[in-house]
Amino acid sequence: SGIVFRLSDMGWFRQVPGKERIMV
């Protein structure tokens, strides 16, 4: 919500303790 979703590339990200959040 609050974005133009249909024009937005999207991603799923994962973060674990001590590591950088990355896009999977």
PDBML (XML) file of the C-alpha atoms, coordinates in Angstrom:
<?xml version="1.0" encoding="UTF-8" ?>
<PDBx:datablock datablockName="MODEL"
   xmlns:PDBx="http://pdbml.pdb.org/schema/pdbx-v50.xsd"
   xmlns:xsi="http://www.w3.org/2001/XMLSchema-instance"
   xsi:schemaLocation="http://pdbml.pdb.org/schema/pdbx-v50.xsd pdbx-v50.xsd">
   <PDBx:atom_siteCategory>
      <PDBx:atom_site id="1">
         <PDBx:B_iso_or_equiv>0.00</PDBx:B_iso_or_equiv>
         <PDBx:Cartn_x>0.000</PDBx:Cartn_x>
         <PDBx:Cartn_y>0.000</PDBx:Cartn_y>
         <PDBx:Cartn_z>0.000</PDBx:Cartn_z>
         <PDBx:auth_asym_id>A</PDBx:auth_asym_id>
         <PDBx:auth_atom_id>CA</PDBx:auth_atom_id>
         <PDBx:auth_comp_id>SER</PDBx:auth_comp_id>
         <PDBx:auth_seq_id>1</PDBx:auth_seq_id>
         <PDBx:group_PDB>ATOM</PDBx:group_PDB>
         <PDBx:label_alt_id xsi:nil="true" />
         <PDBx:label_asym_id>A</PDBx:label_asym_id>
         <PDBx:label_atom_id>CA</PDBx:label_atom_id>
         <PDBx:label_comp_id>SER</PDBx:label_comp_id>
         <PDBx:label_entity_id>1</PDBx:label_entity_id>
         <PDBx:label_seq_id>1</PDBx:label_seq_id>
         <PDBx:occupancy>1.00</PDBx:occupancy>
         <PDBx:pdbx_PDB_model_num>1</PDBx:pdbx_PDB_model_num>
         <PDBx:type_symbol>C</PDBx:type_symbol>
      </PDBx:atom_site>
      <PDBx:atom_site id="2">
         <PDBx:B_iso_or_equiv>0.00</PDBx:B_iso_or_equiv>
         <PDBx:Cartn_x>1.059</PDBx:Cartn_x>
         <PDBx:Cartn_y>3.567</PDBx:Cartn_y>
         <PDBx:Cartn_z>-0.466</PDBx:Cartn_z>
         <PDBx:auth_asym_id>A</PDBx:auth_asym_id>
         <PDBx:auth_atom_id>CA</PDBx:auth_atom_id>
         <PDBx:auth_comp_id>GLY</PDBx:auth_comp_id>
         <PDBx:auth_seq_id>2</PDBx:auth_seq_id>
         <PDBx:group_PDB>ATOM</PDBx:group_PDB>
         <PDBx:label_alt_id xsi:nil="true" />
         <PDBx:label_asym_id>A</PDBx:label_asym_id>
         <PDBx:label_atom_id>CA</PDBx:label_atom_id>
         <PDBx:label_comp_id>GLY</PDBx:label_comp_id>
         <PDBx:label_entity_id>1</PDBx:label_entity_id>
         <PDBx:label_seq_id>2</PDBx:label_seq_id>
         <PDBx:occupancy>1.00</PDBx:occupancy>
         <PDBx:pdbx_PDB_model_num>1</PDBx:pdbx_PDB_model_num>
         <PDBx:type_symbol>C</PDBx:type_symbol>
      </PDBx:atom_site>
      <PDBx:atom_site id="3">
         <PDBx:B_iso_or_equiv>0.00</PDBx:B_iso_or_equiv>
         <PDBx:Cartn_x>2.974</PDBx:Cartn_x>
         <PDBx:Cartn_y>2.789</PDBx:Cartn_y>
         <PDBx:Cartn_z>-3.638</PDBx:Cartn_z>
         <PDBx:auth_asym_id>A</PDBx:auth_asym_id>
         <PDBx:auth_atom_id>CA</PDBx:auth_atom_id>
         <PDBx:auth_comp_id>ILE</PDBx:auth_comp_id>
         <PDBx:auth_seq_id>3</PDBx:auth_seq_id>
         <PDBx:group_PDB>ATOM</PDBx:group_PDB>
         <PDBx:label_alt_id xsi:nil="true" />
         <PDBx:label_asym_id>A</PDBx:label_asym_id>
         <PDBx:label_atom_id>CA</PDBx:label_atom_id>
         <PDBx:label_comp_id>ILE</PDBx:label_comp_id>
         <PDBx:label_entity_id>1</PDBx:label_entity_id>
         <PDBx:label_seq_id>3</PDBx:label_seq_id>
         <PDBx:occupancy>1.00</PDBx:occupancy>
         <PDBx:pdbx_PDB_model_num>1</PDBx:pdbx_PDB_model_num>
         <PDBx:type_symbol>C</PDBx:type_symbol>
      </PDBx:atom_site>
      <PDBx:atom_site id="4">
         <PDBx:B_iso_or_equiv>0.00</PDBx:B_iso_or_equiv>
         <PDBx:Cartn_x>2.185</PDBx:Cartn_x>
         <PDBx:Cartn_y>2.398</PDBx:Cartn_y>
         <PDBx:Cartn_z>-7.302</PDBx:Cartn_z>
         <PDBx:auth_asym_id>A</PDBx:auth_asym_id>
         <PDBx:auth_atom_id>CA</PDBx:auth_atom_id>
         <PDBx:auth_comp_id>VAL</PDBx:auth_comp_id>
         <PDBx:auth_seq_id>4</PDBx:auth_seq_id>
         <PDBx:group_PDB>ATOM</PDBx:group_PDB>
         <PDBx:label_alt_id xsi:nil="true" />
         <PDBx:label_asym_id>A</PDBx:label_asym_id>
         <PDBx:label_atom_id>CA</PDBx:label_atom_id>
         <PDBx:label_comp_id>VAL</PDBx:label_comp_id>
         <PDBx:label_entity_id>1</PDBx:label_entity_id>
         <PDBx:label_seq_id>4</PDBx:label_seq_id>
         <PDBx:occupancy>1.00</PDBx:occupancy>
         <PDBx:pdbx_PDB_model_num>1</PDBx:pdbx_PDB_model_num>
         <PDBx:type_symbol>C</PDBx:type_symbol>
      </PDBx:atom_site>
      <PDBx:atom_site id="5">
         <PDBx:B_iso_or_equiv>0.00</PDBx:B_iso_or_equiv>
         <PDBx:Cartn_x>2.515</PDBx:Cartn_x>
         <PDBx:Cartn_y>-1.348</PDBx:Cartn_y>
         <PDBx:Cartn_z>-7.073</PDBx:Cartn_z>
         <PDBx:auth_asym_id>A</PDBx:auth_asym_id>
         <PDBx:auth_atom_id>CA</PDBx:auth_atom_id>
         <PDBx:auth_comp_id>PHE</PDBx:auth_comp_id>
         <PDBx:auth_seq_id>5</PDBx:auth_seq_id>
         <PDBx:group_PDB>ATOM</PDBx:group_PDB>
         <PDBx:label_alt_id xsi:nil="true" />
         <PDBx:label_asym_id>A</PDBx:label_asym_id>
         <PDBx:label_atom_id>CA</PDBx:label_atom_id>
         <PDBx:label_comp_id>PHE</PDBx:label_comp_id>
         <PDBx:label_entity_id>1</PDBx:label_entity_id>
         <PDBx:label_seq_id>5</PDBx:label_seq_id>
         <PDBx:occupancy>1.00</PDBx:occupancy>
         <PDBx:pdbx_PDB_model_num>1</PDBx:pdbx_PDB_model_num>
         <PDBx:type_symbol>C</PDBx:type_symbol>
      </PDBx:atom_site>
      <PDBx:atom_site id="6">
         <PDBx:B_iso_or_equiv>0.00</PDBx:B_iso_or_equiv>
         <PDBx:Cartn_x>1.900</PDBx:Cartn_x>
         <PDBx:Cartn_y>-2.110</PDBx:Cartn_y>
         <PDBx:Cartn_z>-10.725</PDBx:Cartn_z>
         <PDBx:auth_asym_id>A</PDBx:auth_asym_id>
         <PDBx:auth_atom_id>CA</PDBx:auth_atom_id>
         <PDBx:auth_comp_id>ARG</PDBx:auth_comp_id>
         <PDBx:auth_seq_id>6</PDBx:auth_seq_id>
         <PDBx:group_PDB>ATOM</PDBx:group_PDB>
         <PDBx:label_alt_id xsi:nil="true" />
         <PDBx:label_asym_id>A</PDBx:label_asym_id>
         <PDBx:label_atom_id>CA</PDBx:label_atom_id>
         <PDBx:label_comp_id>ARG</PDBx:label_comp_id>
         <PDBx:label_entity_id>1</PDBx:label_entity_id>
         <PDBx:label_seq_id>6</PDBx:label_seq_id>
         <PDBx:occupancy>1.00</PDBx:occupancy>
         <PDBx:pdbx_PDB_model_num>1</PDBx:pdbx_PDB_model_num>
         <PDBx:type_symbol>C</PDBx:type_symbol>
      </PDBx:atom_site>
      <PDBx:atom_site id="7">
         <PDBx:B_iso_or_equiv>0.00</PDBx:B_iso_or_equiv>
         <PDBx:Cartn_x>4.930</PDBx:Cartn_x>
         <PDBx:Cartn_y>-0.007</PDBx:Cartn_y>
         <PDBx:Cartn_z>-11.661</PDBx:Cartn_z>
         <PDBx:auth_asym_id>A</PDBx:auth_asym_id>
         <PDBx:auth_atom_id>CA</PDBx:auth_atom_id>
         <PDBx:auth_comp_id>LEU</PDBx:auth_comp_id>
         <PDBx:auth_seq_id>7</PDBx:auth_seq_id>
         <PDBx:group_PDB>ATOM</PDBx:group_PDB>
         <PDBx:label_alt_id xsi:nil="true" />
         <PDBx:label_asym_id>A</PDBx:label_asym_id>
         <PDBx:label_atom_id>CA</PDBx:label_atom_id>
         <PDBx:label_comp_id>LEU</PDBx:label_comp_id>
         <PDBx:label_entity_id>1</PDBx:label_entity_id>
         <PDBx:label_seq_id>7</PDBx:label_seq_id>
         <PDBx:occupancy>1.00</PDBx:occupancy>
         <PDBx:pdbx_PDB_model_num>1</PDBx:pdbx_PDB_model_num>
         <PDBx:type_symbol>C</PDBx:type_symbol>
      </PDBx:atom_site>
      <PDBx:atom_site id="8">
         <PDBx:B_iso_or_equiv>0.00</PDBx:B_iso_or_equiv>
         <PDBx:Cartn_x>7.218</PDBx:Cartn_x>
         <PDBx:Cartn_y>-1.284</PDBx:Cartn_y>
         <PDBx:Cartn_z>-8.921</PDBx:Cartn_z>
         <PDBx:auth_asym_id>A</PDBx:auth_asym_id>
         <PDBx:auth_atom_id>CA</PDBx:auth_atom_id>
         <PDBx:auth_comp_id>SER</PDBx:auth_comp_id>
         <PDBx:auth_seq_id>8</PDBx:auth_seq_id>
         <PDBx:group_PDB>ATOM</PDBx:group_PDB>
         <PDBx:label_alt_id xsi:nil="true" />
         <PDBx:label_asym_id>A</PDBx:label_asym_id>
         <PDBx:label_atom_id>CA</PDBx:label_atom_id>
         <PDBx:label_comp_id>SER</PDBx:label_comp_id>
         <PDBx:label_entity_id>1</PDBx:label_entity_id>
         <PDBx:label_seq_id>8</PDBx:label_seq_id>
         <PDBx:occupancy>1.00</PDBx:occupancy>
         <PDBx:pdbx_PDB_model_num>1</PDBx:pdbx_PDB_model_num>
         <PDBx:type_symbol>C</PDBx:type_symbol>
      </PDBx:atom_site>
      <PDBx:atom_site id="9">
         <PDBx:B_iso_or_equiv>0.00</PDBx:B_iso_or_equiv>
         <PDBx:Cartn_x>9.794</PDBx:Cartn_x>
         <PDBx:Cartn_y>-4.011</PDBx:Cartn_y>
         <PDBx:Cartn_z>-9.123</PDBx:Cartn_z>
         <PDBx:auth_asym_id>A</PDBx:auth_asym_id>
         <PDBx:auth_atom_id>CA</PDBx:auth_atom_id>
         <PDBx:auth_comp_id>ASP</PDBx:auth_comp_id>
         <PDBx:auth_seq_id>9</PDBx:auth_seq_id>
         <PDBx:group_PDB>ATOM</PDBx:group_PDB>
         <PDBx:label_alt_id xsi:nil="true" />
         <PDBx:label_asym_id>A</PDBx:label_asym_id>
         <PDBx:label_atom_id>CA</PDBx:label_atom_id>
         <PDBx:label_comp_id>ASP</PDBx:label_comp_id>
         <PDBx:label_entity_id>1</PDBx:label_entity_id>
         <PDBx:label_seq_id>9</PDBx:label_seq_id>
         <PDBx:occupancy>1.00</PDBx:occupancy>
         <PDBx:pdbx_PDB_model_num>1</PDBx:pdbx_PDB_model_num>
         <PDBx:type_symbol>C</PDBx:type_symbol>
      </PDBx:atom_site>
      <PDBx:atom_site id="10">
         <PDBx:B_iso_or_equiv>0.00</PDBx:B_iso_or_equiv>
         <PDBx:Cartn_x>9.520</PDBx:Cartn_x>
         <PDBx:Cartn_y>-6.051</PDBx:Cartn_y>
         <PDBx:Cartn_z>-5.946</PDBx:Cartn_z>
         <PDBx:auth_asym_id>A</PDBx:auth_asym_id>
         <PDBx:auth_atom_id>CA</PDBx:auth_atom_id>
         <PDBx:auth_comp_id>MET</PDBx:auth_comp_id>
         <PDBx:auth_seq_id>10</PDBx:auth_seq_id>
         <PDBx:group_PDB>ATOM</PDBx:group_PDB>
         <PDBx:label_alt_id xsi:nil="true" />
         <PDBx:label_asym_id>A</PDBx:label_asym_id>
         <PDBx:label_atom_id>CA</PDBx:label_atom_id>
         <PDBx:label_comp_id>MET</PDBx:label_comp_id>
         <PDBx:label_entity_id>1</PDBx:label_entity_id>
         <PDBx:label_seq_id>10</PDBx:label_seq_id>
         <PDBx:occupancy>1.00</PDBx:occupancy>
         <PDBx:pdbx_PDB_model_num>1</PDBx:pdbx_PDB_model_num>
         <PDBx:type_symbol>C</PDBx:type_symbol>
      </PDBx:atom_site>
      <PDBx:atom_site id="11">
         <PDBx:B_iso_or_equiv>0.00</PDBx:B_iso_or_equiv>
         <PDBx:Cartn_x>11.677</PDBx:Cartn_x>
         <PDBx:Cartn_y>-8.401</PDBx:Cartn_y>
         <PDBx:Cartn_z>-3.953</PDBx:Cartn_z>
         <PDBx:auth_asym_id>A</PDBx:auth_asym_id>
         <PDBx:auth_atom_id>CA</PDBx:auth_atom_id>
         <PDBx:auth_comp_id>GLY</PDBx:auth_comp_id>
         <PDBx:auth_seq_id>11</PDBx:auth_seq_id>
         <PDBx:group_PDB>ATOM</PDBx:group_PDB>
         <PDBx:label_alt_id xsi:nil="true" />
         <PDBx:label_asym_id>A</PDBx:label_asym_id>
         <PDBx:label_atom_id>CA</PDBx:label_atom_id>
         <PDBx:label_comp_id>GLY</PDBx:label_comp_id>
         <PDBx:label_entity_id>1</PDBx:label_entity_id>
         <PDBx:label_seq_id>11</PDBx:label_seq_id>
         <PDBx:occupancy>1.00</PDBx:occupancy>
         <PDBx:pdbx_PDB_model_num>1</PDBx:pdbx_PDB_model_num>
         <PDBx:type_symbol>C</PDBx:type_symbol>
      </PDBx:atom_site>
      <PDBx:atom_site id="12">
         <PDBx:B_iso_or_equiv>0.00</PDBx:B_iso_or_equiv>
         <PDBx:Cartn_x>11.717</PDBx:Cartn_x>
         <PDBx:Cartn_y>-10.840</PDBx:Cartn_y>
         <PDBx:Cartn_z>-1.094</PDBx:Cartn_z>
         <PDBx:auth_asym_id>A</PDBx:auth_asym_id>
         <PDBx:auth_atom_id>CA</PDBx:auth_atom_id>
         <PDBx:auth_comp_id>TRP</PDBx:auth_comp_id>
         <PDBx:auth_seq_id>12</PDBx:auth_seq_id>
         <PDBx:group_PDB>ATOM</PDBx:group_PDB>
         <PDBx:label_alt_id xsi:nil="true" />
         <PDBx:label_asym_id>A</PDBx:label_asym_id>
         <PDBx:label_atom_id>CA</PDBx:label_atom_id>
         <PDBx:label_comp_id>TRP</PDBx:label_comp_id>
         <PDBx:label_entity_id>1</PDBx:label_entity_id>
         <PDBx:label_seq_id>12</PDBx:label_seq_id>
         <PDBx:occupancy>1.00</PDBx:occupancy>
         <PDBx:pdbx_PDB_model_num>1</PDBx:pdbx_PDB_model_num>
         <PDBx:type_symbol>C</PDBx:type_symbol>
      </PDBx:atom_site>
      <PDBx:atom_site id="13">
         <PDBx:B_iso_or_equiv>0.00</PDBx:B_iso_or_equiv>
         <PDBx:Cartn_x>14.580</PDBx:Cartn_x>
         <PDBx:Cartn_y>-10.413</PDBx:Cartn_y>
         <PDBx:Cartn_z>1.348</PDBx:Cartn_z>
         <PDBx:auth_asym_id>A</PDBx:auth_asym_id>
         <PDBx:auth_atom_id>CA</PDBx:auth_atom_id>
         <PDBx:auth_comp_id>PHE</PDBx:auth_comp_id>
         <PDBx:auth_seq_id>13</PDBx:auth_seq_id>
         <PDBx:group_PDB>ATOM</PDBx:group_PDB>
         <PDBx:label_alt_id xsi:nil="true" />
         <PDBx:label_asym_id>A</PDBx:label_asym_id>
         <PDBx:label_atom_id>CA</PDBx:label_atom_id>
         <PDBx:label_comp_id>PHE</PDBx:label_comp_id>
         <PDBx:label_entity_id>1</PDBx:label_entity_id>
         <PDBx:label_seq_id>13</PDBx:label_seq_id>
         <PDBx:occupancy>1.00</PDBx:occupancy>
         <PDBx:pdbx_PDB_model_num>1</PDBx:pdbx_PDB_model_num>
         <PDBx:type_symbol>C</PDBx:type_symbol>
      </PDBx:atom_site>
      <PDBx:atom_site id="14">
         <PDBx:B_iso_or_equiv>0.00</PDBx:B_iso_or_equiv>
         <PDBx:Cartn_x>16.036</PDBx:Cartn_x>
         <PDBx:Cartn_y>-12.561</PDBx:Cartn_y>
         <PDBx:Cartn_z>4.084</PDBx:Cartn_z>
         <PDBx:auth_asym_id>A</PDBx:auth_asym_id>
         <PDBx:auth_atom_id>CA</PDBx:auth_atom_id>
         <PDBx:auth_comp_id>ARG</PDBx:auth_comp_id>
         <PDBx:auth_seq_id>14</PDBx:auth_seq_id>
         <PDBx:group_PDB>ATOM</PDBx:group_PDB>
         <PDBx:label_alt_id xsi:nil="true" />
         <PDBx:label_asym_id>A</PDBx:label_asym_id>
         <PDBx:label_atom_id>CA</PDBx:label_atom_id>
         <PDBx:label_comp_id>ARG</PDBx:label_comp_id>
         <PDBx:label_entity_id>1</PDBx:label_entity_id>
         <PDBx:label_seq_id>14</PDBx:label_seq_id>
         <PDBx:occupancy>1.00</PDBx:occupancy>
         <PDBx:pdbx_PDB_model_num>1</PDBx:pdbx_PDB_model_num>
         <PDBx:type_symbol>C</PDBx:type_symbol>
      </PDBx:atom_site>
      <PDBx:atom_site id="15">
         <PDBx:B_iso_or_equiv>0.00</PDBx:B_iso_or_equiv>
         <PDBx:Cartn_x>18.066</PDBx:Cartn_x>
         <PDBx:Cartn_y>-11.526</PDBx:Cartn_y>
         <PDBx:Cartn_z>7.093</PDBx:Cartn_z>
         <PDBx:auth_asym_id>A</PDBx:auth_asym_id>
         <PDBx:auth_atom_id>CA</PDBx:auth_atom_id>
         <PDBx:auth_comp_id>GLN</PDBx:auth_comp_id>
         <PDBx:auth_seq_id>15</PDBx:auth_seq_id>
         <PDBx:group_PDB>ATOM</PDBx:group_PDB>
         <PDBx:label_alt_id xsi:nil="true" />
         <PDBx:label_asym_id>A</PDBx:label_asym_id>
         <PDBx:label_atom_id>CA</PDBx:label_atom_id>
         <PDBx:label_comp_id>GLN</PDBx:label_comp_id>
         <PDBx:label_entity_id>1</PDBx:label_entity_id>
         <PDBx:label_seq_id>15</PDBx:label_seq_id>
         <PDBx:occupancy>1.00</PDBx:occupancy>
         <PDBx:pdbx_PDB_model_num>1</PDBx:pdbx_PDB_model_num>
         <PDBx:type_symbol>C</PDBx:type_symbol>
      </PDBx:atom_site>
      <PDBx:atom_site id="16">
         <PDBx:B_iso_or_equiv>0.00</PDBx:B_iso_or_equiv>
         <PDBx:Cartn_x>19.757</PDBx:Cartn_x>
         <PDBx:Cartn_y>-13.714</PDBx:Cartn_y>
         <PDBx:Cartn_z>9.688</PDBx:Cartn_z>
         <PDBx:auth_asym_id>A</PDBx:auth_asym_id>
         <PDBx:auth_atom_id>CA</PDBx:auth_atom_id>
         <PDBx:auth_comp_id>VAL</PDBx:auth_comp_id>
         <PDBx:auth_seq_id>16</PDBx:auth_seq_id>
         <PDBx:group_PDB>ATOM</PDBx:group_PDB>
         <PDBx:label_alt_id xsi:nil="true" />
         <PDBx:label_asym_id>A</PDBx:label_asym_id>
         <PDBx:label_atom_id>CA</PDBx:label_atom_id>
         <PDBx:label_comp_id>VAL</PDBx:label_comp_id>
         <PDBx:label_entity_id>1</PDBx:label_entity_id>
         <PDBx:label_seq_id>16</PDBx:label_seq_id>
         <PDBx:occupancy>1.00</PDBx:occupancy>
         <PDBx:pdbx_PDB_model_num>1</PDBx:pdbx_PDB_model_num>
         <PDBx:type_symbol>C</PDBx:type_symbol>
      </PDBx:atom_site>
      <PDBx:atom_site id="17">
         <PDBx:B_iso_or_equiv>0.00</PDBx:B_iso_or_equiv>
         <PDBx:Cartn_x>21.576</PDBx:Cartn_x>
         <PDBx:Cartn_y>-12.599</PDBx:Cartn_y>
         <PDBx:Cartn_z>12.851</PDBx:Cartn_z>
         <PDBx:auth_asym_id>A</PDBx:auth_asym_id>
         <PDBx:auth_atom_id>CA</PDBx:auth_atom_id>
         <PDBx:auth_comp_id>PRO</PDBx:auth_comp_id>
         <PDBx:auth_seq_id>17</PDBx:auth_seq_id>
         <PDBx:group_PDB>ATOM</PDBx:group_PDB>
         <PDBx:label_alt_id xsi:nil="true" />
         <PDBx:label_asym_id>A</PDBx:label_asym_id>
         <PDBx:label_atom_id>CA</PDBx:label_atom_id>
         <PDBx:label_comp_id>PRO</PDBx:label_comp_id>
         <PDBx:label_entity_id>1</PDBx:label_entity_id>
         <PDBx:label_seq_id>17</PDBx:label_seq_id>
         <PDBx:occupancy>1.00</PDBx:occupancy>
         <PDBx:pdbx_PDB_model_num>1</PDBx:pdbx_PDB_model_num>
         <PDBx:type_symbol>C</PDBx:type_symbol>
      </PDBx:atom_site>
      <PDBx:atom_site id="18">
         <PDBx:B_iso_or_equiv>0.00</PDBx:B_iso_or_equiv>
         <PDBx:Cartn_x>24.966</PDBx:Cartn_x>
         <PDBx:Cartn_y>-11.152</PDBx:Cartn_y>
         <PDBx:Cartn_z>12.132</PDBx:Cartn_z>
         <PDBx:auth_asym_id>A</PDBx:auth_asym_id>
         <PDBx:auth_atom_id>CA</PDBx:auth_atom_id>
         <PDBx:auth_comp_id>GLY</PDBx:auth_comp_id>
         <PDBx:auth_seq_id>18</PDBx:auth_seq_id>
         <PDBx:group_PDB>ATOM</PDBx:group_PDB>
         <PDBx:label_alt_id xsi:nil="true" />
         <PDBx:label_asym_id>A</PDBx:label_asym_id>
         <PDBx:label_atom_id>CA</PDBx:label_atom_id>
         <PDBx:label_comp_id>GLY</PDBx:label_comp_id>
         <PDBx:label_entity_id>1</PDBx:label_entity_id>
         <PDBx:label_seq_id>18</PDBx:label_seq_id>
         <PDBx:occupancy>1.00</PDBx:occupancy>
         <PDBx:pdbx_PDB_model_num>1</PDBx:pdbx_PDB_model_num>
         <PDBx:type_symbol>C</PDBx:type_symbol>
      </PDBx:atom_site>
      <PDBx:atom_site id="19">
         <PDBx:B_iso_or_equiv>0.00</PDBx:B_iso_or_equiv>
         <PDBx:Cartn_x>24.452</PDBx:Cartn_x>
         <PDBx:Cartn_y>-11.033</PDBx:Cartn_y>
         <PDBx:Cartn_z>8.398</PDBx:Cartn_z>
         <PDBx:auth_asym_id>A</PDBx:auth_asym_id>
         <PDBx:auth_atom_id>CA</PDBx:auth_atom_id>
         <PDBx:auth_comp_id>LYS</PDBx:auth_comp_id>
         <PDBx:auth_seq_id>19</PDBx:auth_seq_id>
         <PDBx:group_PDB>ATOM</PDBx:group_PDB>
         <PDBx:label_alt_id xsi:nil="true" />
         <PDBx:label_asym_id>A</PDBx:label_asym_id>
         <PDBx:label_atom_id>CA</PDBx:label_atom_id>
         <PDBx:label_comp_id>LYS</PDBx:label_comp_id>
         <PDBx:label_entity_id>1</PDBx:label_entity_id>
         <PDBx:label_seq_id>19</PDBx:label_seq_id>
         <PDBx:occupancy>1.00</PDBx:occupancy>
         <PDBx:pdbx_PDB_model_num>1</PDBx:pdbx_PDB_model_num>
         <PDBx:type_symbol>C</PDBx:type_symbol>
      </PDBx:atom_site>
      <PDBx:atom_site id="20">
         <PDBx:B_iso_or_equiv>0.00</PDBx:B_iso_or_equiv>
         <PDBx:Cartn_x>23.336</PDBx:Cartn_x>
         <PDBx:Cartn_y>-8.438</PDBx:Cartn_y>
         <PDBx:Cartn_z>5.922</PDBx:Cartn_z>
         <PDBx:auth_asym_id>A</PDBx:auth_asym_id>
         <PDBx:auth_atom_id>CA</PDBx:auth_atom_id>
         <PDBx:auth_comp_id>GLU</PDBx:auth_comp_id>
         <PDBx:auth_seq_id>20</PDBx:auth_seq_id>
         <PDBx:group_PDB>ATOM</PDBx:group_PDB>
         <PDBx:label_alt_id xsi:nil="true" />
         <PDBx:label_asym_id>A</PDBx:label_asym_id>
         <PDBx:label_atom_id>CA</PDBx:label_atom_id>
         <PDBx:label_comp_id>GLU</PDBx:label_comp_id>
         <PDBx:label_entity_id>1</PDBx:label_entity_id>
         <PDBx:label_seq_id>20</PDBx:label_seq_id>
         <PDBx:occupancy>1.00</PDBx:occupancy>
         <PDBx:pdbx_PDB_model_num>1</PDBx:pdbx_PDB_model_num>
         <PDBx:type_symbol>C</PDBx:type_symbol>
      </PDBx:atom_site>
      <PDBx:atom_site id="21">
         <PDBx:B_iso_or_equiv>0.00</PDBx:B_iso_or_equiv>
         <PDBx:Cartn_x>19.811</PDBx:Cartn_x>
         <PDBx:Cartn_y>-8.503</PDBx:Cartn_y>
         <PDBx:Cartn_z>4.621</PDBx:Cartn_z>
         <PDBx:auth_asym_id>A</PDBx:auth_asym_id>
         <PDBx:auth_atom_id>CA</PDBx:auth_atom_id>
         <PDBx:auth_comp_id>ARG</PDBx:auth_comp_id>
         <PDBx:auth_seq_id>21</PDBx:auth_seq_id>
         <PDBx:group_PDB>ATOM</PDBx:group_PDB>
         <PDBx:label_alt_id xsi:nil="true" />
         <PDBx:label_asym_id>A</PDBx:label_asym_id>
         <PDBx:label_atom_id>CA</PDBx:label_atom_id>
         <PDBx:label_comp_id>ARG</PDBx:label_comp_id>
         <PDBx:label_entity_id>1</PDBx:label_entity_id>
         <PDBx:label_seq_id>21</PDBx:label_seq_id>
         <PDBx:occupancy>1.00</PDBx:occupancy>
         <PDBx:pdbx_PDB_model_num>1</PDBx:pdbx_PDB_model_num>
         <PDBx:type_symbol>C</PDBx:type_symbol>
      </PDBx:atom_site>
      <PDBx:atom_site id="22">
         <PDBx:B_iso_or_equiv>0.00</PDBx:B_iso_or_equiv>
         <PDBx:Cartn_x>19.872</PDBx:Cartn_x>
         <PDBx:Cartn_y>-9.893</PDBx:Cartn_y>
         <PDBx:Cartn_z>1.104</PDBx:Cartn_z>
         <PDBx:auth_asym_id>A</PDBx:auth_asym_id>
         <PDBx:auth_atom_id>CA</PDBx:auth_atom_id>
         <PDBx:auth_comp_id>ILE</PDBx:auth_comp_id>
         <PDBx:auth_seq_id>22</PDBx:auth_seq_id>
         <PDBx:group_PDB>ATOM</PDBx:group_PDB>
         <PDBx:label_alt_id xsi:nil="true" />
         <PDBx:label_asym_id>A</PDBx:label_asym_id>
         <PDBx:label_atom_id>CA</PDBx:label_atom_id>
         <PDBx:label_comp_id>ILE</PDBx:label_comp_id>
         <PDBx:label_entity_id>1</PDBx:label_entity_id>
         <PDBx:label_seq_id>22</PDBx:label_seq_id>
         <PDBx:occupancy>1.00</PDBx:occupancy>
         <PDBx:pdbx_PDB_model_num>1</PDBx:pdbx_PDB_model_num>
         <PDBx:type_symbol>C</PDBx:type_symbol>
      </PDBx:atom_site>
      <PDBx:atom_site id="23">
         <PDBx:B_iso_or_equiv>0.00</PDBx:B_iso_or_equiv>
         <PDBx:Cartn_x>17.402</PDBx:Cartn_x>
         <PDBx:Cartn_y>-10.234</PDBx:Cartn_y>
         <PDBx:Cartn_z>-1.698</PDBx:Cartn_z>
         <PDBx:auth_asym_id>A</PDBx:auth_asym_id>
         <PDBx:auth_atom_id>CA</PDBx:auth_atom_id>
         <PDBx:auth_comp_id>MET</PDBx:auth_comp_id>
         <PDBx:auth_seq_id>23</PDBx:auth_seq_id>
         <PDBx:group_PDB>ATOM</PDBx:group_PDB>
         <PDBx:label_alt_id xsi:nil="true" />
         <PDBx:label_asym_id>A</PDBx:label_asym_id>
         <PDBx:label_atom_id>CA</PDBx:label_atom_id>
         <PDBx:label_comp_id>MET</PDBx:label_comp_id>
         <PDBx:label_entity_id>1</PDBx:label_entity_id>
         <PDBx:label_seq_id>23</PDBx:label_seq_id>
         <PDBx:occupancy>1.00</PDBx:occupancy>
         <PDBx:pdbx_PDB_model_num>1</PDBx:pdbx_PDB_model_num>
         <PDBx:type_symbol>C</PDBx:type_symbol>
      </PDBx:atom_site>
      <PDBx:atom_site id="24">
         <PDBx:B_iso_or_equiv>0.00</PDBx:B_iso_or_equiv>
         <PDBx:Cartn_x>16.606</PDBx:Cartn_x>
         <PDBx:Cartn_y>-13.853</PDBx:Cartn_y>
         <PDBx:Cartn_z>-2.435</PDBx:Cartn_z>
         <PDBx:auth_asym_id>A</PDBx:auth_asym_id>
         <PDBx:auth_atom_id>CA</PDBx:auth_atom_id>
         <PDBx:auth_comp_id>VAL</PDBx:auth_comp_id>
         <PDBx:auth_seq_id>24</PDBx:auth_seq_id>
         <PDBx:group_PDB>ATOM</PDBx:group_PDB>
         <PDBx:label_alt_id xsi:nil="true" />
         <PDBx:label_asym_id>A</PDBx:label_asym_id>
         <PDBx:label_atom_id>CA</PDBx:label_atom_id>
         <PDBx:label_comp_id>VAL</PDBx:label_comp_id>
         <PDBx:label_entity_id>1</PDBx:label_entity_id>
         <PDBx:label_seq_id>24</PDBx:label_seq_id>
         <PDBx:occupancy>1.00</PDBx:occupancy>
         <PDBx:pdbx_PDB_model_num>1</PDBx:pdbx_PDB_model_num>
         <PDBx:type_symbol>C</PDBx:type_symbol>
      </PDBx:atom_site>
   </PDBx:atom_siteCategory>
</PDBx:datablock>
